């Protein structure tokens, strides 16, 4: 292979400097042999049944079987985990996070953000999110492809965090929600994902995929936490969104559309996006279009409650937040009653990471879902939206050993999931409040050691 001159020099220098042996690295790895999780009850998220006195058998990073504890004796070399006082269920999934972002909307803080800061913030928030019981997430928007780097380091086992699908920089129009609108014209600052017109948006989709994006995030409407745009105004045209979806789907990526306004929701759904994020001004026409295309709604509802109590926003965001908050929940309820599919998403970073399960409380106690239906939004529904049904979302044998345990019955009170004492992801125990000694630690591994490979979808 003929390398460009500059790259050839780098290749030769790296080859010459390569050590004679492979240096072992530290990584989180599943325990050898079997791990037996002795559960008080196991929740089947498909049916709502809670079988008592069951043992979940884990080998490597997968569930291999679930069987009555009485007929599953330990063998030599097995590791037993006592969860007999708990209800065990699959790890939860949040399909709308921003792990590399902080809950700080001061304009100077936003303008002083760097890729390095985002990466460090992401490491902190990934651990917090995992320990809250969320073992998989979609990260829908990050600067400098910092979410790609975060995903890759988690997959390598170097840092704790959930399985991730990541979008890199979100696509948006000039002056829109995804642009950088805080600085005056003289600085000529443009958001990373800004692209106008069909050729430009096609290029941006392909560029994001080139640099590691698992999905494409777009701004179909204006937003709340951005200056100078209107959440009710559509931004990308129908034709631009059709071009985005066509390229993304052909290249094996799904599309998530930030969309508050009714026209944007209608057009994005017609264009074939896979999910509508927020959906604040969703109307009957949008509901019908979403049902026709099987489009998921990701309501991001708890942030409204948190903002009303704790939010301290710059003045140019405040009225938009009040306007959206006045209509979003009632339209989500209408969509749910009409049979629109719902997946759990939080917009974590708008409020502190780790509070993700509060979204379930809204679904049950404000939207009228049953606890099981709410839990399904964050398990089987979310896995379906991500294209990961074969990997996660339930405790079926063959799926990833992404498992949480809670004290009490989440079908009696879904708020129990706001405190998760036990978290296993990919066969690795990251949290066990009852037995901290059971938590798996970093251990030596070589680059040839097996790690869970996470498909795009």
Protein backbone atom coordinates (compact mmCIF):
# COMPACT_ATOMS: atom_id res chain seq x y z
CA UNK A 1 0.00 0.00 0.00
CA UNK A 2 1.36 3.40 -0.97
CA UNK A 3 1.03 5.90 1.88
CA UNK A 4 1.14 9.70 1.47
CA UNK A 5 4.64 10.91 2.26
CA UNK A 6 3.73 12.53 5.59
CA UNK A 7 1.71 9.54 6.80
CA UNK A 8 4.44 7.18 5.62
CA UNK A 9 6.98 8.94 7.81
CA UNK A 10 4.63 8.72 10.81
CA UNK A 11 4.04 5.02 10.13
CA UNK A 12 7.75 4.27 9.94
CA UNK A 13 8.50 6.23 13.11
CA UNK A 14 5.68 4.52 15.02
CA UNK A 15 6.78 1.11 13.81
CA UNK A 16 10.37 1.80 14.81
CA UNK A 17 9.28 2.98 18.23
CA UNK A 18 6.90 0.09 18.88
CA UNK A 19 7.80 -1.92 21.99
CA UNK A 20 8.88 -5.51 21.61
CA UNK A 21 6.05 -6.73 23.86
CA UNK A 22 2.43 -5.76 24.45
CA UNK A 23 1.92 -3.80 27.66
CA UNK A 24 -1.06 -4.95 29.76
CA UNK A 25 -3.72 -2.31 30.38
CA UNK A 26 -6.28 -1.98 33.14
CA UNK A 27 -9.88 -2.71 32.13
CA UNK A 28 -13.21 -3.75 33.61
CA UNK A 29 -13.83 -7.38 32.70
CA UNK A 30 -16.51 -9.95 33.57
CA UNK A 31 -15.54 -12.50 36.17
CA UNK A 32 -14.37 -15.87 34.91
CA UNK A 33 -16.81 -18.75 35.23
CA UNK A 34 -20.43 -18.33 36.22
CA UNK A 35 -22.03 -15.57 38.29
CA UNK A 36 -25.26 -16.60 40.00
CA UNK A 37 -27.57 -13.71 40.89
CA UNK A 38 -29.88 -15.04 43.60
CA UNK A 39 -32.97 -12.86 43.14
CA UNK A 40 -35.97 -12.42 45.44
CA UNK A 41 -38.09 -11.67 42.36
CA UNK A 42 -37.29 -11.26 38.66
CA UNK A 43 -39.43 -8.86 36.64
CA UNK A 44 -40.29 -10.02 33.12
CA UNK A 45 -40.73 -6.69 31.35
CA UNK A 46 -42.62 -8.35 28.51
CA UNK A 47 -45.45 -9.66 30.69
CA UNK A 48 -45.16 -7.96 34.08
CA UNK A 49 -44.80 -11.30 35.86
CA UNK A 50 -42.51 -11.27 38.89
CA UNK A 51 -41.25 -14.79 39.46
CA UNK A 52 -40.00 -15.45 42.98
CA UNK A 53 -36.78 -17.15 44.11
CA UNK A 54 -35.06 -17.16 40.73
CA UNK A 55 -31.38 -17.31 39.80
CA UNK A 56 -30.01 -15.43 36.82
CA UNK A 57 -27.00 -17.26 35.45
CA UNK A 58 -24.38 -15.03 33.85
CA UNK A 59 -21.35 -16.20 31.93
CA UNK A 60 -18.97 -13.61 30.54
CA UNK A 61 -21.01 -10.60 29.46
CA UNK A 62 -24.28 -12.44 28.68
CA UNK A 63 -27.25 -13.96 30.48
CA UNK A 64 -27.32 -17.68 29.76
CA UNK A 65 -30.38 -18.79 31.76
CA UNK A 66 -32.92 -17.96 34.44
CA UNK A 67 -34.01 -20.84 36.64
CA UNK A 68 -35.56 -21.47 40.06
CA UNK A 69 -32.96 -21.02 42.76
CA UNK A 70 -33.94 -24.32 44.38
CA UNK A 71 -32.85 -26.21 41.25
CA UNK A 72 -29.70 -24.15 40.58
CA UNK A 73 -27.01 -25.19 43.05
CA UNK A 74 -23.64 -23.49 42.94
CA UNK A 75 -20.74 -25.34 41.36
CA UNK A 76 -17.06 -25.06 42.10
CA UNK A 77 -15.79 -21.69 40.88
CA UNK A 78 -19.21 -20.00 40.78
CA UNK A 79 -19.67 -16.50 42.17
CA UNK A 80 -22.94 -16.01 44.08
CA UNK A 81 -24.54 -12.58 44.57
CA UNK A 82 -27.26 -12.29 47.21
CA UNK A 83 -30.20 -10.26 45.85
CA UNK A 84 -32.83 -12.31 47.66
CA UNK A 85 -34.33 -9.21 49.27
CA UNK A 86 -34.62 -7.40 45.93
CA UNK A 87 -36.53 -7.23 42.67
CA UNK A 88 -34.23 -7.76 39.70
CA UNK A 89 -34.91 -6.34 36.25
CA UNK A 90 -33.02 -5.36 33.10
CA UNK A 91 -30.87 -2.26 33.16
CA UNK A 92 -32.74 0.86 32.12
CA UNK A 93 -32.19 2.75 28.86
CA UNK A 94 -32.26 6.51 28.28
CA UNK A 95 -32.48 7.44 24.59
CA UNK A 96 -31.91 11.19 25.03
CA UNK A 97 -28.83 12.13 27.03
CA UNK A 98 -25.98 14.62 26.77
CA UNK A 99 -23.29 13.00 28.89
CA UNK A 100 -20.58 15.45 27.84
CA UNK A 101 -22.62 18.47 28.92
CA UNK A 102 -23.15 20.09 32.32
CA UNK A 103 -26.23 21.70 33.87
CA UNK A 104 -24.95 25.25 33.50
CA UNK A 105 -26.60 27.71 31.11
CA UNK A 106 -24.53 30.76 31.91
CA UNK A 107 -23.54 32.15 28.47
CA UNK A 108 -19.90 32.59 29.47
CA UNK A 109 -19.73 28.97 30.65
CA UNK A 110 -21.16 27.84 27.32
CA UNK A 111 -18.72 29.97 25.32
CA UNK A 112 -15.72 28.83 27.36
CA UNK A 113 -16.47 25.13 26.83
CA UNK A 114 -13.74 23.13 25.09
CA UNK A 115 -13.58 19.60 23.74
CA UNK A 116 -11.23 18.73 26.59
CA UNK A 117 -13.72 19.92 29.20
CA UNK A 118 -16.54 18.06 27.48
CA UNK A 119 -14.54 14.84 27.53
CA UNK A 120 -13.80 15.15 31.25
CA UNK A 121 -17.42 16.02 32.05
CA UNK A 122 -18.46 12.98 30.02
CA UNK A 123 -16.32 10.63 32.13
CA UNK A 124 -17.96 11.95 35.30
CA UNK A 125 -21.51 11.78 33.95
CA UNK A 126 -21.11 8.33 32.38
CA UNK A 127 -20.28 6.86 35.79
CA UNK A 128 -23.14 8.72 37.46
CA UNK A 129 -25.63 7.55 34.83
CA UNK A 130 -24.51 3.93 35.04
CA UNK A 131 -24.73 3.93 38.82
CA UNK A 132 -28.28 5.32 38.54
CA UNK A 133 -29.23 2.05 36.83
CA UNK A 134 -29.08 3.16 33.19
CA UNK A 135 -26.93 0.62 31.41
CA UNK A 136 -27.53 1.93 27.85
CA UNK A 137 -28.02 5.43 26.44
CA UNK A 138 -28.26 7.34 23.19
CA UNK A 139 -26.13 10.47 23.38
CA UNK A 140 -27.80 12.93 21.04
CA UNK A 141 -25.40 15.82 20.54
CA UNK A 142 -21.83 16.49 21.65
CA UNK A 143 -19.06 18.81 20.56
CA UNK A 144 -15.91 17.64 18.85
CA UNK A 145 -17.05 14.00 18.71
CA UNK A 146 -16.26 13.77 22.42
CA UNK A 147 -19.12 11.28 22.79
CA UNK A 148 -17.41 9.02 20.24
CA UNK A 149 -14.25 9.01 22.37
CA UNK A 150 -16.30 8.44 25.53
CA UNK A 151 -18.13 5.49 23.96
CA UNK A 152 -14.90 3.93 22.76
CA UNK A 153 -13.18 4.20 26.16
CA UNK A 154 -16.22 2.68 27.88
CA UNK A 155 -16.32 -0.15 25.33
CA UNK A 156 -12.61 -0.80 25.93
CA UNK A 157 -13.36 -1.17 29.64
CA UNK A 158 -11.10 1.69 30.68
CA UNK A 159 -13.82 3.74 32.41
CA UNK A 160 -17.26 2.91 33.83
CA UNK A 161 -20.29 3.95 31.83
CA UNK A 162 -23.32 2.69 29.94
CA UNK A 163 -23.41 1.16 26.49
CA UNK A 164 -23.66 4.16 24.18
CA UNK A 165 -24.98 5.08 20.79
CA UNK A 166 -23.62 8.52 19.90
CA UNK A 167 -24.41 11.18 17.34
CA UNK A 168 -21.46 13.55 17.46
CA UNK A 169 -22.42 17.16 16.59
CA UNK A 170 -26.13 17.58 15.87
CA UNK A 171 -27.13 18.91 12.44
CA UNK A 172 -28.96 22.22 12.20
CA UNK A 173 -29.56 25.29 10.06
CA UNK A 174 -27.68 28.58 10.16
CA UNK A 175 -28.97 30.58 13.11
CA UNK A 176 -30.97 27.62 14.41
CA UNK A 177 -30.99 25.62 17.61
CA UNK A 178 -27.78 23.76 16.76
CA UNK A 179 -25.82 26.87 15.73
CA UNK A 180 -23.68 29.06 17.99
CA UNK A 181 -25.77 32.23 18.37
CA UNK A 182 -24.31 33.87 21.47
CA UNK A 183 -21.51 35.79 19.73
CA UNK A 184 -21.91 38.76 17.34
CA UNK A 185 -21.22 38.63 13.60
CA UNK A 186 -17.67 39.92 13.85
CA UNK A 187 -16.50 36.59 15.32
CA UNK A 188 -17.97 34.44 12.50
CA UNK A 189 -18.55 31.49 14.81
CA UNK A 190 -20.58 28.65 13.30
CA UNK A 191 -21.88 25.53 15.06
CA UNK A 192 -20.08 22.30 14.15
CA UNK A 193 -23.15 20.63 12.68
CA UNK A 194 -24.55 23.55 10.70
CA UNK A 195 -25.47 22.62 7.13
CA UNK A 196 -27.96 24.27 4.75
CA UNK A 197 -29.36 22.70 1.59
CA UNK A 198 -29.51 19.12 0.38
CA UNK A 199 -25.87 18.68 -0.72
CA UNK A 200 -24.60 20.19 2.54
CA UNK A 201 -26.77 18.05 4.81
CA UNK A 202 -25.82 14.91 2.89
CA UNK A 203 -22.16 15.79 3.37
CA UNK A 204 -22.67 16.40 7.09
CA UNK A 205 -24.42 13.05 7.58
CA UNK A 206 -21.55 11.27 5.84
CA UNK A 207 -18.93 13.24 7.76
CA UNK A 208 -20.50 12.41 11.13
CA UNK A 209 -20.58 8.74 10.20
CA UNK A 210 -16.97 8.96 9.04
CA UNK A 211 -15.93 10.16 12.49
CA UNK A 212 -17.83 7.53 14.43
CA UNK A 213 -21.50 8.49 14.79
CA UNK A 214 -23.94 5.64 15.49
CA UNK A 215 -26.98 7.81 14.74
CA UNK A 216 -27.81 11.21 13.31
CA UNK A 217 -29.37 13.97 15.43
CA UNK A 218 -31.05 16.90 13.67
CA UNK A 219 -32.74 20.14 14.65
CA UNK A 220 -36.11 20.04 12.90
CA UNK A 221 -37.37 23.04 14.85
CA UNK A 222 -36.05 25.84 16.99
CA UNK A 223 -35.24 25.12 20.62
CA UNK A 224 -35.54 26.46 24.13
CA UNK A 225 -31.95 26.70 25.35
CA UNK A 226 -30.66 28.63 22.36
CA UNK A 227 -30.71 32.33 21.57
CA UNK A 228 -32.77 33.93 18.83
CA UNK A 229 -34.77 30.97 17.51
CA UNK A 230 -38.40 29.95 17.95
CA UNK A 231 -39.35 26.45 19.18
CA UNK A 232 -42.53 26.58 17.10
CA UNK A 233 -40.74 27.43 13.85
CA UNK A 234 -39.66 24.60 11.57
CA UNK A 235 -36.00 24.80 10.58
CA UNK A 236 -34.99 22.11 8.12
CA UNK A 237 -37.33 21.78 5.14
CA UNK A 238 -39.12 18.54 4.36
CA UNK A 239 -36.79 17.98 1.41
CA UNK A 240 -33.65 18.51 3.49
CA UNK A 241 -34.88 16.05 6.12
CA UNK A 242 -35.80 13.50 3.46
CA UNK A 243 -32.23 13.72 2.15
CA UNK A 244 -30.81 13.32 5.67
CA UNK A 245 -32.96 10.28 6.43
CA UNK A 246 -32.26 8.66 3.06
CA UNK A 247 -28.50 8.88 3.52
CA UNK A 248 -28.56 7.91 7.19
CA UNK A 249 -30.77 4.87 6.69
CA UNK A 250 -28.85 3.72 3.64
CA UNK A 251 -25.67 3.88 5.72
CA UNK A 252 -27.21 1.99 8.64
CA UNK A 253 -27.94 4.88 11.00
CA UNK A 254 -31.19 5.99 12.59
CA UNK A 255 -32.26 9.63 12.87
CA UNK A 256 -33.45 11.45 15.98
CA UNK A 257 -35.21 14.78 15.36
CA UNK A 258 -35.31 17.54 17.95
CA UNK A 259 -38.78 18.91 17.19
CA UNK A 260 -40.97 21.16 19.31
CA UNK A 261 -43.17 22.79 16.65
CA UNK A 262 -46.16 21.09 15.01
CA UNK A 263 -44.94 21.67 11.44
CA UNK A 264 -41.48 20.33 12.25
CA UNK A 265 -42.96 17.22 13.89
CA UNK A 266 -45.18 16.60 10.86
CA UNK A 267 -42.39 17.06 8.32
CA UNK A 268 -39.80 15.09 10.29
CA UNK A 269 -42.19 12.17 10.69
CA UNK A 270 -43.13 12.30 7.02
CA UNK A 271 -39.43 12.34 6.13
CA UNK A 272 -39.00 9.07 8.04
CA UNK A 273 -37.06 10.02 11.15
CA UNK A 274 -37.04 7.31 13.78
CA UNK A 275 -37.90 9.46 16.78
CA UNK A 276 -39.31 12.86 17.67
CA UNK A 277 -37.53 14.36 20.66
CA UNK A 278 -39.65 16.60 22.94
CA UNK A 279 -42.71 16.96 20.68
CA UNK A 280 -44.03 19.94 22.63
CA UNK A 281 -46.57 21.31 20.12
CA UNK A 282 -47.60 17.92 18.74
CA UNK A 283 -51.06 18.11 17.15
CA UNK A 284 -53.54 15.65 15.63
CA UNK A 285 -51.89 15.75 12.20
CA UNK A 286 -48.50 15.01 13.73
CA UNK A 287 -49.91 12.19 15.83
CA UNK A 288 -51.47 10.60 12.75
CA UNK A 289 -48.21 10.90 10.80
CA UNK A 290 -46.17 9.41 13.65
CA UNK A 291 -48.56 6.46 13.94
CA UNK A 292 -48.47 5.93 10.17
CA UNK A 293 -44.67 5.73 10.13
CA UNK A 294 -44.18 4.04 13.50
CA UNK A 295 -42.21 7.04 14.78
CA UNK A 296 -41.28 7.04 18.45
CA UNK A 297 -42.01 9.96 20.77
CA UNK A 298 -39.33 10.77 23.34
CA UNK A 299 -41.14 13.17 25.69
CA UNK A 300 -38.28 14.43 27.98
CA UNK A 301 -40.94 15.49 30.48
CA UNK A 302 -39.33 15.55 33.94
CA UNK A 303 -37.09 18.43 32.94
CA UNK A 304 -40.19 20.66 33.03
CA UNK A 305 -40.79 19.84 36.71
CA UNK A 306 -37.12 20.23 37.57
CA UNK A 307 -36.85 23.57 35.79
CA UNK A 308 -39.91 24.99 37.53
CA UNK A 309 -38.34 24.26 40.91
CA UNK A 310 -34.60 24.57 40.28
CA UNK A 311 -34.03 26.24 36.93
CA UNK A 312 -32.04 29.44 36.74
CA UNK A 313 -31.97 30.39 33.08
CA UNK A 314 -30.69 33.46 31.23
CA UNK A 315 -33.55 35.82 30.47
CA UNK A 316 -33.58 35.04 26.73
CA UNK A 317 -34.40 31.38 27.52
CA UNK A 318 -37.00 31.92 30.24
CA UNK A 319 -40.12 32.74 28.21
CA UNK A 320 -39.47 29.92 25.76
CA UNK A 321 -39.21 27.48 28.68
CA UNK A 322 -42.50 28.77 30.12
CA UNK A 323 -44.27 28.48 26.75
CA UNK A 324 -43.07 24.94 26.05
CA UNK A 325 -43.79 23.82 29.61
CA UNK A 326 -47.40 24.99 29.30
CA UNK A 327 -48.24 22.60 26.46
CA UNK A 328 -45.75 19.72 26.26
CA UNK A 329 -47.27 17.35 28.82
CA UNK A 330 -50.87 17.65 27.67
CA UNK A 331 -49.81 16.91 24.09
CA UNK A 332 -47.74 13.93 25.23
CA UNK A 333 -50.78 12.56 27.04
CA UNK A 334 -52.86 12.96 23.88
CA UNK A 335 -50.22 11.11 21.85
CA UNK A 336 -49.99 8.27 24.37
CA UNK A 337 -53.77 7.83 24.42
CA UNK A 338 -53.72 7.75 20.60
CA UNK A 339 -51.22 4.89 20.61
CA UNK A 340 -47.99 6.66 19.61
CA UNK A 341 -44.97 4.61 20.65
CA UNK A 342 -42.96 6.09 23.53
CA UNK A 343 -39.32 5.57 24.52
CA UNK A 344 -37.81 6.96 27.70
CA UNK A 345 -35.58 9.98 27.20
CA UNK A 346 -34.62 12.63 29.70
CA UNK A 347 -32.44 15.34 28.14
CA UNK A 348 -30.13 14.79 31.11
CA UNK A 349 -27.76 17.76 31.29
CA UNK A 350 -30.76 20.09 31.23
CA UNK A 351 -31.07 18.77 34.77
CA UNK A 352 -28.40 16.85 36.71
CA UNK A 353 -27.27 13.48 35.44
CA UNK A 354 -28.31 10.58 37.64
CA UNK A 355 -31.91 11.74 38.10
CA UNK A 356 -32.97 9.95 34.90
CA UNK A 357 -35.49 7.61 36.57
CA UNK A 358 -37.63 10.57 37.65
CA UNK A 359 -38.93 10.49 34.08
CA UNK A 360 -40.79 7.27 34.93
CA UNK A 361 -42.61 8.99 37.78
CA UNK A 362 -43.99 11.55 35.31
CA UNK A 363 -45.14 8.82 32.92
CA UNK A 364 -47.08 7.03 35.69
CA UNK A 365 -48.31 9.79 37.96
CA UNK A 366 -48.89 12.54 35.39
CA UNK A 367 -49.36 10.77 32.05
CA UNK A 368 -51.43 7.90 33.41
CA UNK A 369 -49.27 4.97 32.27
CA UNK A 370 -49.20 1.79 34.31
CA UNK A 371 -45.87 1.19 36.04
CA UNK A 372 -45.19 -1.72 33.67
CA UNK A 373 -45.89 0.41 30.58
CA UNK A 374 -43.59 3.11 31.93
CA UNK A 375 -40.80 0.60 32.61
CA UNK A 376 -41.26 -0.77 29.11
CA UNK A 377 -40.51 2.70 27.67
CA UNK A 378 -37.07 2.43 29.28
CA UNK A 379 -36.45 -1.22 28.42
CA UNK A 380 -38.04 -3.04 25.46
CA UNK A 381 -39.30 0.13 23.71
CA UNK A 382 -36.00 1.96 24.06
CA UNK A 383 -34.07 -1.09 22.88
CA UNK A 384 -36.35 -1.33 19.84
CA UNK A 385 -35.78 2.33 18.97
CA UNK A 386 -32.02 1.82 19.21
CA UNK A 387 -32.12 -1.35 17.11
CA UNK A 388 -30.72 -3.28 20.07
CA UNK A 389 -33.58 -5.67 20.82
CA UNK A 390 -31.25 -8.65 20.29
CA UNK A 391 -28.82 -7.25 22.88
CA UNK A 392 -30.66 -5.54 25.72
CA UNK A 393 -34.01 -4.34 27.07
CA UNK A 394 -34.97 -7.62 28.80
CA UNK A 395 -33.37 -10.48 30.68
CA UNK A 396 -33.77 -13.05 27.94
CA UNK A 397 -30.96 -15.61 27.65
CA UNK A 398 -28.37 -14.55 25.10
CA UNK A 399 -28.67 -10.85 25.83
CA UNK A 400 -26.12 -8.68 27.58
CA UNK A 401 -25.96 -9.15 31.33
CA UNK A 402 -27.26 -5.64 31.96
CA UNK A 403 -29.06 -6.09 35.26
CA UNK A 404 -30.23 -3.91 38.12
CA UNK A 405 -31.84 -4.67 41.47
CA UNK A 406 -34.05 -2.51 43.67
CA UNK A 407 -35.50 -2.86 47.15
CA UNK A 408 -39.24 -3.31 46.80
CA UNK A 409 -41.61 -3.72 43.89
CA UNK A 410 -41.32 -1.18 41.04
CA UNK A 411 -44.74 -2.26 39.76
CA UNK A 412 -46.23 -1.04 43.05
CA UNK A 413 -44.24 2.19 43.11
CA UNK A 414 -42.13 3.11 40.08
CA UNK A 415 -40.32 5.76 42.15
CA UNK A 416 -38.33 2.93 43.74
CA UNK A 417 -36.22 3.04 40.56
CA UNK A 418 -34.89 6.45 41.57
CA UNK A 419 -32.50 4.61 43.88
CA UNK A 420 -30.79 1.56 42.41
CA UNK A 421 -28.52 -0.29 44.89
CA UNK A 422 -27.15 -2.90 42.45
CA UNK A 423 -25.89 -2.43 38.88
CA UNK A 424 -24.31 -4.99 36.57
CA UNK A 425 -23.43 -4.10 32.97
CA UNK A 426 -22.02 -6.63 30.55
CA UNK A 427 -21.41 -9.09 33.39
CA UNK A 428 -19.37 -6.57 35.39
CA UNK A 429 -20.69 -5.47 38.80
CA UNK A 430 -20.24 -1.70 39.07
CA UNK A 431 -22.40 -1.08 42.14
CA UNK A 432 -23.51 -3.22 45.08
CA UNK A 433 -24.44 -1.21 48.14
CA UNK A 434 -25.21 -4.30 50.22
CA UNK A 435 -21.83 -5.88 49.48
CA UNK A 436 -19.26 -3.35 48.23
CA UNK A 437 -16.60 -6.08 48.17
CA UNK A 438 -18.46 -7.70 45.26
CA UNK A 439 -17.84 -4.70 42.97
CA UNK A 440 -15.51 -5.63 40.12
CA UNK A 441 -12.30 -3.65 39.96
CA UNK A 442 -10.02 -2.69 37.10
CA UNK A 443 -7.72 -5.57 36.24
CA UNK A 444 -4.88 -6.18 33.84
CA UNK A 445 -5.84 -7.02 30.29
CA UNK A 446 -4.17 -7.05 26.89
CA UNK A 447 -5.53 -5.55 23.67
CA UNK A 448 -6.39 -9.08 22.53
CA UNK A 449 -8.72 -9.66 25.50
CA UNK A 450 -12.38 -9.94 24.47
CA UNK A 451 -14.64 -6.97 25.10
CA UNK A 452 -18.30 -6.43 24.31
CA UNK A 453 -18.66 -5.10 20.78
CA UNK A 454 -21.56 -2.67 20.52
CA UNK A 455 -23.24 -2.57 17.09
CA UNK A 456 -24.66 0.68 15.71
CA UNK A 457 -28.09 -0.81 15.04
